[in-house]
Amino acid sequence: MLVLLWIFVGFVSGFLTSRFVNETGKGLFVDTMIGIVGAVAAGWLATNFVASDTGVNRYGMLAAIVGAVALLVIYRRVFTKA
């Protein structure tokens, strides 16, 4: 269930980043997929290595948000023309 929440957070982060950033990026689909990958990876890492409870925890959700946005920012910096 927690993974579904991370996927939702990544989707929302990717969607909002795609809409609010002035750059065109690669499009809504790619931005949301990158957001989902970043959220799931960071949420998994935080849950397994930082917090040990099995329920929805603050560290996992915060890491999912930060991971999604960070991966999107890195992707835009590396793969878009400046």
N, C-alpha and C. Protein backbone atom coordinates (compact mmCIF):
# COMPACT_ATOMS: atom_id res chain seq x y z
N MET A 1 0.82 -1.19 0.00
CA MET A 1 0.00 0.00 0.00
C MET A 1 0.87 1.26 0.00
N LEU A 2 1.99 1.17 0.69
CA LEU A 2 2.87 2.32 0.78
C LEU A 2 3.47 2.67 -0.58
N VAL A 3 3.76 1.66 -1.38
CA VAL A 3 4.32 1.91 -2.71
C VAL A 3 3.32 2.66 -3.58
N LEU A 4 2.05 2.35 -3.45
CA LEU A 4 1.01 3.07 -4.21
C LEU A 4 0.98 4.55 -3.82
N LEU A 5 1.19 4.82 -2.55
CA LEU A 5 1.23 6.21 -2.09
C LEU A 5 2.45 6.93 -2.67
N TRP A 6 3.59 6.25 -2.73
CA TRP A 6 4.79 6.85 -3.33
C TRP A 6 4.56 7.11 -4.82
N ILE A 7 3.91 6.19 -5.50
CA ILE A 7 3.63 6.38 -6.93
C ILE A 7 2.73 7.59 -7.13
N PHE A 8 1.73 7.73 -6.28
CA PHE A 8 0.84 8.89 -6.38
C PHE A 8 1.60 10.18 -6.13
N VAL A 9 2.45 10.19 -5.11
CA VAL A 9 3.26 11.38 -4.81
C VAL A 9 4.17 11.72 -5.98
N GLY A 10 4.79 10.71 -6.57
CA GLY A 10 5.65 10.94 -7.73
C GLY A 10 4.88 11.46 -8.93
N PHE A 11 3.69 10.93 -9.16
CA PHE A 11 2.86 11.40 -10.26
C PHE A 11 2.49 12.87 -10.07
N VAL A 12 2.04 13.21 -8.88
CA VAL A 12 1.66 14.60 -8.60
C VAL A 12 2.87 15.52 -8.71
N SER A 13 4.01 15.10 -8.18
CA SER A 13 5.23 15.92 -8.27
C SER A 13 5.64 16.14 -9.72
N GLY A 14 5.61 15.09 -10.51
CA GLY A 14 5.95 15.21 -11.93
C GLY A 14 4.98 16.09 -12.68
N PHE A 15 3.70 15.94 -12.39
CA PHE A 15 2.68 16.75 -13.05
C PHE A 15 2.85 18.23 -12.70
N LEU A 16 3.01 18.52 -11.43
CA LEU A 16 3.16 19.92 -11.01
C LEU A 16 4.45 20.53 -11.54
N THR A 17 5.52 19.77 -11.53
CA THR A 17 6.78 20.28 -12.08
C THR A 17 6.64 20.54 -13.57
N SER A 18 5.97 19.67 -14.27
CA SER A 18 5.76 19.86 -15.71
C SER A 18 4.95 21.10 -16.00
N ARG A 19 4.00 21.41 -15.15
CA ARG A 19 3.11 22.56 -15.36
C ARG A 19 3.71 23.89 -14.93
N PHE A 20 4.50 23.89 -13.86
CA PHE A 20 4.96 25.15 -13.28
C PHE A 20 6.35 25.60 -13.72
N VAL A 21 7.10 24.73 -14.34
CA VAL A 21 8.43 25.11 -14.80
C VAL A 21 8.29 25.71 -16.20
N ASN A 22 8.99 26.78 -16.45
CA ASN A 22 8.88 27.46 -17.74
C ASN A 22 9.50 26.68 -18.88
N GLU A 23 10.41 25.78 -18.58
CA GLU A 23 11.02 24.98 -19.63
C GLU A 23 10.02 23.97 -20.16
N THR A 24 10.21 23.55 -21.39
CA THR A 24 9.26 22.60 -21.97
C THR A 24 9.52 21.18 -21.52
N GLY A 25 10.75 20.81 -21.20
CA GLY A 25 11.07 19.47 -20.77
C GLY A 25 10.78 18.46 -21.87
N LYS A 26 10.51 17.25 -21.51
CA LYS A 26 10.22 16.20 -22.47
C LYS A 26 8.74 15.91 -22.56
N GLY A 27 7.94 16.61 -21.82
CA GLY A 27 6.50 16.40 -21.87
C GLY A 27 5.96 15.87 -20.56
N LEU A 28 4.66 15.86 -20.48
CA LEU A 28 3.99 15.48 -19.25
C LEU A 28 4.24 14.01 -18.90
N PHE A 29 4.21 13.12 -19.87
CA PHE A 29 4.39 11.70 -19.60
C PHE A 29 5.77 11.41 -19.02
N VAL A 30 6.80 11.93 -19.65
CA VAL A 30 8.17 11.68 -19.18
C VAL A 30 8.38 12.32 -17.81
N ASP A 31 7.87 13.53 -17.61
CA ASP A 31 8.03 14.19 -16.32
C ASP A 31 7.34 13.41 -15.20
N THR A 32 6.15 12.89 -15.45
CA THR A 32 5.48 12.12 -14.41
C THR A 32 6.17 10.79 -14.16
N MET A 33 6.69 10.16 -15.19
CA MET A 33 7.41 8.89 -14.99
C MET A 33 8.70 9.11 -14.19
N ILE A 34 9.41 10.18 -14.48
CA ILE A 34 10.62 10.50 -13.71
C ILE A 34 10.26 10.81 -12.27
N GLY A 35 9.17 11.53 -12.05
CA GLY A 35 8.71 11.81 -10.70
C GLY A 35 8.37 10.55 -9.93
N ILE A 36 7.71 9.61 -10.61
CA ILE A 36 7.35 8.34 -9.96
C ILE A 36 8.59 7.54 -9.60
N VAL A 37 9.55 7.46 -10.51
CA VAL A 37 10.78 6.71 -10.23
C VAL A 37 11.53 7.34 -9.06
N GLY A 38 11.64 8.65 -9.05
CA GLY A 38 12.33 9.33 -7.95
C GLY A 38 11.64 9.14 -6.62
N ALA A 39 10.31 9.19 -6.62
CA ALA A 39 9.55 9.04 -5.38
C ALA A 39 9.65 7.63 -4.83
N VAL A 40 9.53 6.64 -5.70
CA VAL A 40 9.59 5.25 -5.24
C VAL A 40 10.99 4.93 -4.73
N ALA A 41 12.02 5.35 -5.45
CA ALA A 41 13.39 5.06 -5.03
C ALA A 41 13.71 5.72 -3.69
N ALA A 42 13.40 6.99 -3.55
CA ALA A 42 13.71 7.70 -2.31
C ALA A 42 12.84 7.20 -1.16
N GLY A 43 11.58 6.93 -1.42
CA GLY A 43 10.70 6.40 -0.37
C GLY A 43 11.16 5.04 0.12
N TRP A 44 11.58 4.19 -0.80
CA TRP A 44 12.08 2.87 -0.42
C TRP A 44 13.35 2.98 0.41
N LEU A 45 14.27 3.83 -0.04
CA LEU A 45 15.52 4.01 0.70
C LEU A 45 15.26 4.54 2.10
N ALA A 46 14.39 5.54 2.21
CA ALA A 46 14.12 6.11 3.53
C ALA A 46 13.43 5.12 4.44
N THR A 47 12.50 4.36 3.91
CA THR A 47 11.79 3.40 4.74
C THR A 47 12.69 2.27 5.20
N ASN A 48 13.57 1.81 4.34
CA ASN A 48 14.43 0.67 4.70
C ASN A 48 15.66 1.05 5.49
N PHE A 49 16.16 2.26 5.32
CA PHE A 49 17.41 2.62 5.97
C PHE A 49 17.29 3.69 7.04
N VAL A 50 16.20 4.44 7.06
CA VAL A 50 16.06 5.50 8.05
C VAL A 50 15.01 5.13 9.09
N ALA A 51 13.82 4.78 8.65
CA ALA A 51 12.73 4.47 9.57
C ALA A 51 12.41 2.98 9.48
N SER A 52 12.10 2.37 10.60
CA SER A 52 11.89 0.94 10.58
C SER A 52 10.44 0.52 10.79
N ASP A 53 9.51 1.46 10.94
CA ASP A 53 8.12 1.04 11.11
C ASP A 53 7.51 0.67 9.77
N THR A 54 6.46 -0.13 9.79
CA THR A 54 5.90 -0.67 8.56
C THR A 54 4.75 0.15 8.02
N GLY A 55 4.22 1.07 8.77
CA GLY A 55 3.10 1.88 8.31
C GLY A 55 3.57 3.07 7.49
N VAL A 56 2.64 3.93 7.16
CA VAL A 56 2.98 5.15 6.43
C VAL A 56 3.74 6.05 7.40
N ASN A 57 4.97 6.37 7.04
CA ASN A 57 5.76 7.19 7.94
C ASN A 57 6.12 8.52 7.28
N ARG A 58 6.43 9.46 8.11
CA ARG A 58 6.76 10.81 7.62
C ARG A 58 8.05 10.82 6.84
N TYR A 59 9.02 10.04 7.26
CA TYR A 59 10.32 10.04 6.58
C TYR A 59 10.20 9.49 5.16
N GLY A 60 9.45 8.44 5.00
CA GLY A 60 9.26 7.86 3.67
C GLY A 60 8.53 8.81 2.73
N MET A 61 7.50 9.49 3.24
CA MET A 61 6.74 10.41 2.39
C MET A 61 7.56 11.66 2.07
N LEU A 62 8.26 12.19 3.04
CA LEU A 62 9.10 13.35 2.79
C LEU A 62 10.21 13.00 1.80
N ALA A 63 10.80 11.83 1.96
CA ALA A 63 11.84 11.40 1.03
C ALA A 63 11.27 11.19 -0.37
N ALA A 64 10.04 10.69 -0.48
CA ALA A 64 9.42 10.50 -1.79
C ALA A 64 9.22 11.83 -2.50
N ILE A 65 8.78 12.83 -1.78
CA ILE A 65 8.59 14.16 -2.38
C ILE A 65 9.92 14.74 -2.81
N VAL A 66 10.89 14.71 -1.91
CA VAL A 66 12.21 15.26 -2.23
C VAL A 66 12.87 14.48 -3.37
N GLY A 67 12.75 13.17 -3.35
CA GLY A 67 13.34 12.35 -4.40
C GLY A 67 12.74 12.62 -5.77
N ALA A 68 11.43 12.78 -5.82
CA ALA A 68 10.76 13.05 -7.10
C ALA A 68 11.19 14.40 -7.66
N VAL A 69 11.18 15.41 -6.84
CA VAL A 69 11.56 16.74 -7.30
C VAL A 69 13.05 16.78 -7.66
N ALA A 70 13.88 16.15 -6.84
CA ALA A 70 15.32 16.16 -7.11
C ALA A 70 15.65 15.46 -8.42
N LEU A 71 15.04 14.31 -8.67
CA LEU A 71 15.31 13.59 -9.91
C LEU A 71 14.82 14.39 -11.12
N LEU A 72 13.69 15.07 -10.99
CA LEU A 72 13.20 15.90 -12.09
C LEU A 72 14.14 17.08 -12.36
N VAL A 73 14.63 17.70 -11.31
CA VAL A 73 15.55 18.84 -11.48
C VAL A 73 16.85 18.36 -12.12
N ILE A 74 17.38 17.24 -11.64
CA ILE A 74 18.61 16.70 -12.22
C ILE A 74 18.40 16.34 -13.69
N TYR A 75 17.30 15.71 -13.99
CA TYR A 75 16.99 15.33 -15.37
C TYR A 75 16.93 16.56 -16.29
N ARG A 76 16.25 17.59 -15.81
CA ARG A 76 16.12 18.81 -16.63
C ARG A 76 17.47 19.50 -16.83
N ARG A 77 18.31 19.50 -15.80
CA ARG A 77 19.63 20.13 -15.91
C ARG A 77 20.54 19.36 -16.88
N VAL A 78 20.46 18.05 -16.86
CA VAL A 78 21.36 17.24 -17.66
C VAL A 78 20.90 17.09 -19.11
N PHE A 79 19.60 16.85 -19.30
CA PHE A 79 19.12 16.47 -20.62
C PHE A 79 18.39 17.55 -21.42
N THR A 80 18.24 18.74 -20.90
CA THR A 80 17.63 19.81 -21.68
C THR A 80 18.69 20.83 -22.07
N LYS A 81 18.51 21.41 -23.21
CA LYS A 81 19.48 22.39 -23.69
C LYS A 81 19.30 23.70 -22.95
N ALA A 82 20.39 24.28 -22.55
CA ALA A 82 20.34 25.55 -21.80
C ALA A 82 20.48 26.72 -22.74
